[in-house]
Protein backbone atom coordinates (compact mmCIF):
# COMPACT_ATOMS: atom_id res chain seq x y z
CA MET A 1 -71.06 37.66 -73.88
CA ILE A 2 -68.11 40.16 -72.36
CA ALA A 3 -69.09 41.33 -69.24
CA VAL A 4 -68.55 44.94 -68.39
CA VAL A 5 -69.06 47.02 -65.38
CA HIS A 6 -70.41 50.56 -65.42
CA HIS A 7 -72.24 53.04 -62.90
CA PRO A 8 -74.03 56.31 -64.40
CA ASP A 9 -72.07 57.78 -61.31
CA TYR A 10 -68.55 57.32 -63.58
CA VAL A 11 -69.82 60.51 -65.72
CA ALA A 12 -69.45 63.26 -63.50
CA PRO A 13 -69.41 67.24 -64.40
CA ALA A 14 -66.37 68.39 -64.66
CA PRO A 15 -65.20 70.63 -61.88
CA ALA A 16 -64.17 73.94 -62.62
CA ARG A 17 -60.56 74.56 -64.03
CA SER A 18 -59.91 71.30 -64.79
CA THR A 19 -58.61 69.38 -67.44
CA TYR A 20 -59.23 65.98 -67.03
CA GLN A 21 -61.70 64.67 -69.68
CA TRP A 22 -64.92 63.68 -67.47
CA ASN A 23 -67.12 62.38 -70.32
CA LYS A 24 -64.69 59.63 -71.10
CA ASN A 25 -66.21 56.78 -69.47
CA GLY A 26 -69.72 57.78 -70.67
CA LEU A 27 -68.23 57.65 -74.27
CA ILE A 28 -66.31 54.26 -73.74
CA ARG A 29 -70.20 52.94 -72.74
CA ASP A 30 -71.86 54.52 -75.66
CA LEU A 31 -68.68 52.77 -78.22
CA LEU A 32 -69.75 49.42 -76.24
CA ARG A 33 -73.16 49.40 -76.28
CA THR A 34 -73.12 50.55 -80.65
CA SER A 35 -70.56 48.01 -81.38
CA GLU A 36 -71.48 44.55 -82.52
CA ALA A 37 -70.31 42.57 -79.43
CA ASP A 38 -72.50 40.64 -77.01
CA ILE A 39 -71.95 42.46 -74.14
CA SER A 40 -73.54 41.52 -70.65
CA TRP A 41 -74.07 45.12 -68.38
CA HIS A 42 -73.44 45.18 -64.66
CA GLU A 43 -74.04 47.94 -62.36
CA PRO A 44 -71.56 47.76 -59.36
CA GLU A 45 -72.11 48.96 -55.88
CA PRO A 46 -70.48 51.75 -54.66
CA MET A 47 -67.47 50.39 -52.44
CA PRO A 48 -68.01 50.27 -48.70
CA LEU A 49 -65.86 53.18 -47.37
CA GLU A 50 -64.71 50.54 -44.58
CA TRP A 51 -63.08 48.81 -47.18
CA ILE A 52 -61.27 51.75 -48.77
CA ALA A 53 -60.23 52.60 -45.39
CA ALA A 54 -58.48 49.07 -45.38
CA VAL A 55 -55.96 50.57 -48.02
CA HIS A 56 -56.08 54.32 -47.64
CA ASP A 57 -55.61 55.93 -44.58
CA PRO A 58 -59.19 56.57 -42.82
CA ASP A 59 -58.71 60.42 -41.93
CA TYR A 60 -58.23 60.70 -46.16
CA VAL A 61 -61.13 58.11 -46.85
CA ALA A 62 -63.36 60.82 -44.46
CA GLN A 63 -62.31 64.03 -46.27
CA ILE A 64 -63.24 62.94 -50.13
CA ALA A 65 -66.48 61.40 -48.52
CA ALA A 66 -67.18 64.40 -47.45
CA ALA A 67 -65.90 66.59 -50.37
CA ASP A 68 -63.49 68.56 -47.91
CA VAL A 69 -60.09 68.02 -49.34
CA PRO A 70 -57.23 70.27 -48.03
CA ARG A 71 -55.60 72.19 -51.07
CA GLU A 72 -52.53 70.61 -51.04
CA LYS A 73 -54.22 67.74 -51.15
CA THR A 74 -56.16 68.92 -54.12
CA ARG A 75 -53.34 70.14 -55.93
CA ARG A 76 -51.70 66.86 -56.03
CA ILE A 77 -54.80 64.71 -57.27
CA GLY A 78 -55.32 67.54 -60.21
CA PHE A 79 -58.67 68.76 -60.38
CA PRO A 80 -61.31 69.75 -56.69
CA VAL A 81 -63.33 67.04 -55.40
CA THR A 82 -66.85 68.10 -55.10
CA ALA A 83 -69.49 65.98 -53.95
CA GLN A 84 -70.38 64.15 -57.57
CA VAL A 85 -66.58 63.71 -57.86
CA ALA A 86 -66.34 62.23 -54.40
CA THR A 87 -69.78 59.59 -55.45
CA ARG A 88 -67.82 58.86 -58.59
CA ALA A 89 -64.78 57.91 -56.40
CA ILE A 90 -66.45 55.86 -54.21
CA ALA A 91 -68.32 53.64 -57.10
CA VAL A 92 -65.34 53.22 -58.98
CA PRO A 93 -63.52 50.70 -57.01
CA GLY A 94 -66.85 48.80 -56.52
CA GLY A 95 -66.80 48.31 -60.30
CA THR A 96 -63.13 46.82 -60.21
CA TYR A 97 -64.20 44.83 -57.40
CA LEU A 98 -67.37 43.76 -59.48
CA ALA A 99 -65.25 43.16 -62.67
CA ALA A 100 -63.06 41.19 -60.61
CA LYS A 101 -65.56 38.65 -59.08
CA LEU A 102 -67.26 38.74 -62.47
CA ALA A 103 -63.95 37.37 -63.83
CA LEU A 104 -63.97 34.64 -61.71
CA GLU A 105 -66.72 33.64 -62.51
CA ARG A 106 -66.20 33.89 -66.54
CA GLY A 107 -62.61 33.97 -67.24
CA PHE A 108 -62.77 38.00 -68.32
CA ALA A 109 -64.66 41.29 -67.31
CA ALA A 110 -63.77 45.01 -67.92
CA ASN A 111 -64.35 47.90 -65.49
CA SER A 112 -64.93 50.64 -67.87
CA ALA A 113 -63.53 52.91 -65.09
CA GLY A 114 -60.78 52.90 -62.45
CA GLY A 115 -57.00 51.59 -63.26
CA SER A 116 -56.34 54.77 -60.53
CA HIS A 117 -52.84 53.86 -60.03
CA HIS A 118 -51.63 57.00 -58.41
CA ALA A 119 -53.46 57.20 -55.59
CA LEU A 120 -51.42 56.34 -52.43
CA ALA A 121 -52.23 55.85 -48.46
CA HIS A 122 -52.71 59.77 -47.75
CA THR A 123 -53.69 61.33 -50.64
CA GLY A 124 -54.76 60.92 -54.53
CA ALA A 125 -52.17 61.97 -57.45
CA GLY A 126 -52.18 62.08 -60.81
CA PHE A 127 -55.93 62.28 -61.85
CA CYS A 128 -56.52 59.22 -59.09
CA ILE A 129 -58.36 59.64 -55.96
CA PHE A 130 -58.94 56.13 -54.62
CA ASN A 131 -56.89 53.31 -56.05
CA ASP A 132 -59.38 50.98 -56.84
CA LEU A 133 -56.78 48.19 -57.87
CA ALA A 134 -55.06 47.98 -54.47
CA ILE A 135 -58.69 48.18 -52.82
CA ALA A 136 -59.76 45.62 -55.19
CA ALA A 137 -56.89 42.97 -54.74
CA HIS A 138 -56.77 43.54 -50.63
CA ARG A 139 -60.44 42.80 -50.47
CA LEU A 140 -60.24 39.71 -52.50
CA ILE A 141 -57.75 38.10 -50.69
CA GLU A 142 -59.12 39.29 -47.44
CA GLU A 143 -62.63 37.49 -48.17
CA GLY A 144 -60.51 34.03 -49.56
CA ALA A 145 -61.76 34.47 -53.06
CA VAL A 146 -58.33 33.92 -53.95
CA ALA A 147 -54.87 33.41 -52.84
CA ARG A 148 -52.29 35.45 -55.38
CA ILE A 149 -53.48 38.20 -57.21
CA LEU A 150 -50.93 39.99 -60.23
CA ILE A 151 -51.72 43.62 -60.25
CA VAL A 152 -50.20 44.16 -64.28
CA ASP A 153 -50.07 47.69 -65.42
CA CYS A 154 -49.12 48.82 -68.79
CA ASP A 155 -50.05 52.27 -68.26
CA VAL A 156 -47.28 54.88 -70.21
CA HIS A 157 -46.86 56.36 -66.00
CA GLN A 158 -45.54 53.84 -63.51
CA GLY A 159 -48.15 52.40 -61.36
CA ASP A 160 -46.36 54.39 -58.50
CA GLY A 161 -49.18 54.25 -55.96
CA THR A 162 -50.52 50.59 -56.21
CA ALA A 163 -46.64 49.74 -55.79
CA ALA A 164 -46.17 51.43 -52.68
CA LEU A 165 -49.88 50.03 -50.79
CA MET A 166 -48.79 46.92 -51.84
CA ALA A 167 -45.54 46.51 -50.87
CA GLY A 168 -44.87 43.95 -48.67
CA SER A 169 -47.84 41.81 -49.54
CA ALA A 170 -46.70 38.03 -50.12
CA GLU A 171 -50.29 37.47 -52.09
CA ILE A 172 -50.20 40.43 -54.02
CA ALA A 173 -47.50 41.68 -56.69
CA THR A 174 -47.40 44.17 -58.77
CA TYR A 175 -45.96 44.15 -62.60
CA SER A 176 -45.62 48.15 -64.18
CA ILE A 177 -44.14 48.35 -68.04
CA HIS A 178 -43.70 52.18 -68.37
CA ALA A 179 -41.75 55.36 -69.76
CA GLU A 180 -39.19 55.57 -67.61
CA LYS A 181 -39.09 59.41 -67.77
CA ASN A 182 -42.41 59.72 -67.37
CA PHE A 183 -44.84 60.96 -64.48
CA PRO A 184 -44.26 60.45 -61.80
CA VAL A 185 -40.63 61.36 -61.55
CA ARG A 186 -39.81 59.44 -58.45
CA LYS A 187 -41.06 56.46 -58.87
CA ALA A 188 -41.72 53.57 -56.14
CA ARG A 189 -40.82 49.97 -56.40
CA SER A 190 -43.06 47.38 -58.03
CA THR A 191 -42.47 43.68 -57.54
CA LEU A 192 -41.36 43.90 -61.30
CA ASP A 193 -40.69 47.56 -62.96
CA VAL A 194 -40.00 47.51 -67.06
CA PRO A 195 -38.51 50.91 -67.77
CA LEU A 196 -38.41 52.02 -71.20
CA ALA A 197 -36.77 54.66 -73.26
CA ASP A 198 -38.84 57.40 -74.94
CA GLY A 199 -40.17 56.61 -78.73
CA ILE A 200 -40.40 52.98 -78.23
CA GLY A 201 -42.29 51.20 -80.81
CA ASP A 202 -44.33 48.49 -81.54
CA ASP A 203 -41.72 45.67 -81.77
CA ASP A 204 -39.50 46.55 -79.21
CA TYR A 205 -42.57 47.29 -76.66
CA MET A 206 -44.38 43.76 -77.41
CA ALA A 207 -40.59 42.06 -77.17
CA ALA A 208 -40.05 43.42 -73.75
CA LEU A 209 -43.83 42.53 -72.48
CA ALA A 210 -43.33 39.02 -73.33
CA GLU A 211 -39.75 38.90 -72.23
CA THR A 212 -40.69 39.81 -68.42
CA LEU A 213 -44.19 39.51 -68.03
CA THR A 214 -44.44 35.81 -69.25
CA PRO A 215 -41.63 34.44 -66.77
CA MET A 216 -43.14 36.70 -63.68
CA LEU A 217 -46.64 34.75 -64.23
CA ASP A 218 -44.62 31.24 -64.54
CA ARG A 219 -42.84 32.03 -61.53
CA PHE A 220 -45.87 34.07 -59.23
CA ARG A 221 -49.08 31.63 -60.70
CA PRO A 222 -51.44 34.36 -59.86
CA GLU A 223 -55.16 32.87 -59.47
CA LEU A 224 -56.53 36.25 -60.60
CA ILE A 225 -54.88 39.33 -62.55
CA LEU A 226 -56.28 42.97 -62.60
CA TYR A 227 -54.80 44.74 -65.23
CA GLN A 228 -54.54 47.88 -65.68
CA ALA A 229 -54.98 49.11 -69.47
CA GLY A 230 -54.07 52.34 -70.18
CA VAL A 231 -54.04 53.24 -73.55
CA ASP A 232 -51.50 56.17 -73.38
CA PRO A 233 -48.29 54.57 -74.73
CA PHE A 234 -50.31 55.41 -77.81
CA GLU A 235 -47.86 57.11 -80.29
CA ALA A 236 -50.18 60.17 -80.56
CA ASP A 237 -51.08 60.43 -76.46
CA ARG A 238 -50.79 63.93 -74.99
CA LEU A 239 -49.72 62.64 -71.81
CA GLY A 240 -47.24 59.85 -73.08
CA ARG A 241 -43.72 59.26 -74.34
CA LEU A 242 -43.68 56.26 -76.17
CA ALA A 243 -44.62 54.99 -79.63
CA LEU A 244 -47.30 52.52 -80.07
CA SER A 245 -49.90 52.13 -82.84
CA SER A 246 -53.24 51.57 -82.75
CA ASP A 247 -52.49 48.12 -84.03
CA GLY A 248 -49.86 47.48 -81.38
CA LEU A 249 -51.82 48.77 -78.59
CA ILE A 250 -54.51 45.61 -79.57
CA ARG A 251 -51.14 43.44 -79.92
CA ARG A 252 -50.56 43.97 -76.53
CA GLU A 253 -54.14 43.27 -75.32
CA ARG A 254 -54.09 40.43 -77.34
CA PHE A 255 -50.98 39.02 -76.12
CA VAL A 256 -52.27 39.95 -72.41
CA ALA A 257 -55.10 37.99 -72.63
CA GLN A 258 -53.95 35.04 -74.51
CA THR A 259 -51.06 34.45 -71.95
CA ALA A 260 -53.72 34.51 -69.11
CA VAL A 261 -55.72 32.31 -71.67
CA GLU A 262 -53.15 29.67 -71.91
CA ARG A 263 -52.37 29.47 -67.94
CA GLY A 264 -56.34 29.46 -67.00
CA ILE A 265 -56.08 32.52 -65.36
CA PRO A 266 -59.01 35.10 -65.05
CA LEU A 267 -58.34 38.39 -65.91
CA ALA A 268 -60.23 41.66 -64.78
CA SER A 269 -59.42 44.94 -66.88
CA THR A 270 -59.57 48.48 -65.73
CA VAL A 271 -59.21 51.34 -68.26
CA GLY A 272 -56.33 53.31 -66.52
CA GLY A 273 -54.73 56.71 -68.92
CA GLY A 274 -55.45 58.00 -72.37
CA TYR A 275 -55.58 61.62 -73.23
CA GLY A 276 -55.93 63.95 -75.99
CA THR A 277 -57.95 66.55 -77.37
CA ASP A 278 -60.47 64.46 -79.04
CA ALA A 279 -62.23 62.64 -76.26
CA MET A 280 -64.04 60.30 -78.72
CA GLU A 281 -60.91 59.42 -80.44
CA VAL A 282 -59.36 58.54 -76.99
CA ALA A 283 -62.53 56.40 -75.74
CA ARG A 284 -62.21 54.57 -78.93
CA ARG A 285 -58.96 53.05 -77.81
CA HIS A 286 -60.48 52.16 -74.50
CA ALA A 287 -63.18 50.85 -76.10
CA ASP A 288 -61.19 49.01 -78.71
CA ALA A 289 -58.75 47.31 -75.97
CA ILE A 290 -62.05 45.89 -73.69
CA LEU A 291 -63.39 44.23 -76.94
CA ALA A 292 -59.73 42.76 -78.15
CA LEU A 293 -59.28 41.89 -74.35
CA GLY A 294 -62.66 40.44 -73.98
CA GLY A 295 -62.80 38.56 -77.71
CA VAL A 296 -59.56 36.37 -77.40
CA PHE A 297 -61.51 34.81 -73.71
CA GLU A 298 -64.53 34.61 -76.36
CA LYS A 299 -62.90 32.80 -78.70
CA HIS A 300 -61.57 30.11 -76.18
CA SER A 301 -64.58 29.65 -74.54
CA LEU A 302 -63.02 29.88 -70.78
CA HIS A 303 -66.42 30.47 -69.28
CA ALA A 304 -66.57 27.16 -67.39
CA PRO A 305 -66.39 27.15 -63.78
CA SER A 306 -63.72 24.50 -64.11
CA ALA A 307 -61.52 26.36 -66.30
CA PHE A 308 -60.60 28.75 -63.72
CA LEU A 309 -59.98 26.32 -60.38
CA PRO A 310 -57.21 27.48 -57.90
CA LEU A 311 -53.76 26.85 -59.48
CA GLU A 312 -52.91 24.00 -57.55
CA GLU A 313 -56.10 22.18 -58.61
CA ARG A 314 -55.29 22.87 -61.88
CA VAL A 315 -51.60 22.15 -62.25
CA THR A 316 -49.83 18.79 -60.75
CA GLY A 317 -45.95 18.45 -60.35
CA VAL A 318 -45.07 22.56 -60.55
CA GLU A 319 -43.75 24.02 -57.15
CA VAL A 320 -45.77 27.24 -56.38
CA ARG A 321 -43.46 29.99 -55.64
CA PRO A 322 -44.97 33.53 -54.71
CA ASP A 323 -41.53 34.85 -53.48
CA ILE A 324 -40.77 37.06 -56.94
CA THR A 325 -37.66 38.95 -55.90
CA ARG A 326 -38.47 42.75 -56.12
CA THR A 327 -36.41 44.67 -58.71
């Protein structure tokens, strides 16, 4: 059974003059509900504001909560922050946190929203308000749920906010494989960045992913992967510059899941980016990604708690080395 986290507040009315597809998360939910997959649904609690403020500037958190955001921050976010948008922004990190907790119990869980990897400490950016990946990772480390987390970002855009917020952490590493010439213009420094040339297709993408992600996993040895499964590397994506086919996206998801399964690492996924004129087509790519990820974990039946013991209890004779060199 695939665990999926969803909250009704993920579907907020579109603010005026917004080009973001606000119905995408509802369509993902509907597609998963009508699929033949065996899915268990979970509704998260909104993330406590103090947990958000442990990663973001408290004044910025207060601005969002009050839906009173300065014009320059609204411009960077890309849409007005209404009261309903603020409610959604607080719910989404709670969903990623719950998906992570479920993954630690079951092996895999998906948030039907999230992946807001451009949000920085003092402001949102690029359709992102709060960085749910960074918030969830920080909270899980703080409460001792795991000792090491790797945030794997396969969105077509670099996870600059995640990299900036997690910089200097010995317990949380960041990996980003993205189109080098795409947004943001000024890149942050992830633990490991894999910039790709425009137009790269399935085979070259998969080769780059395998050659970089696998060694990082084996060296850092995370006890949990938070996965930003953006589908905007798709060849027809409105904001992408890469050329993955639909089959290529599924290959990517199966590889990431299989690589985690082989190492006994739980994985929680978020939706991330995906843009186009047909919201249903975009939502279908996201739903297919969740089903592909969950299908690998289902196939291997890695739901027994013993499969996800801390790494030191699962591996003997191997030195744990969290000191990844940033590049």
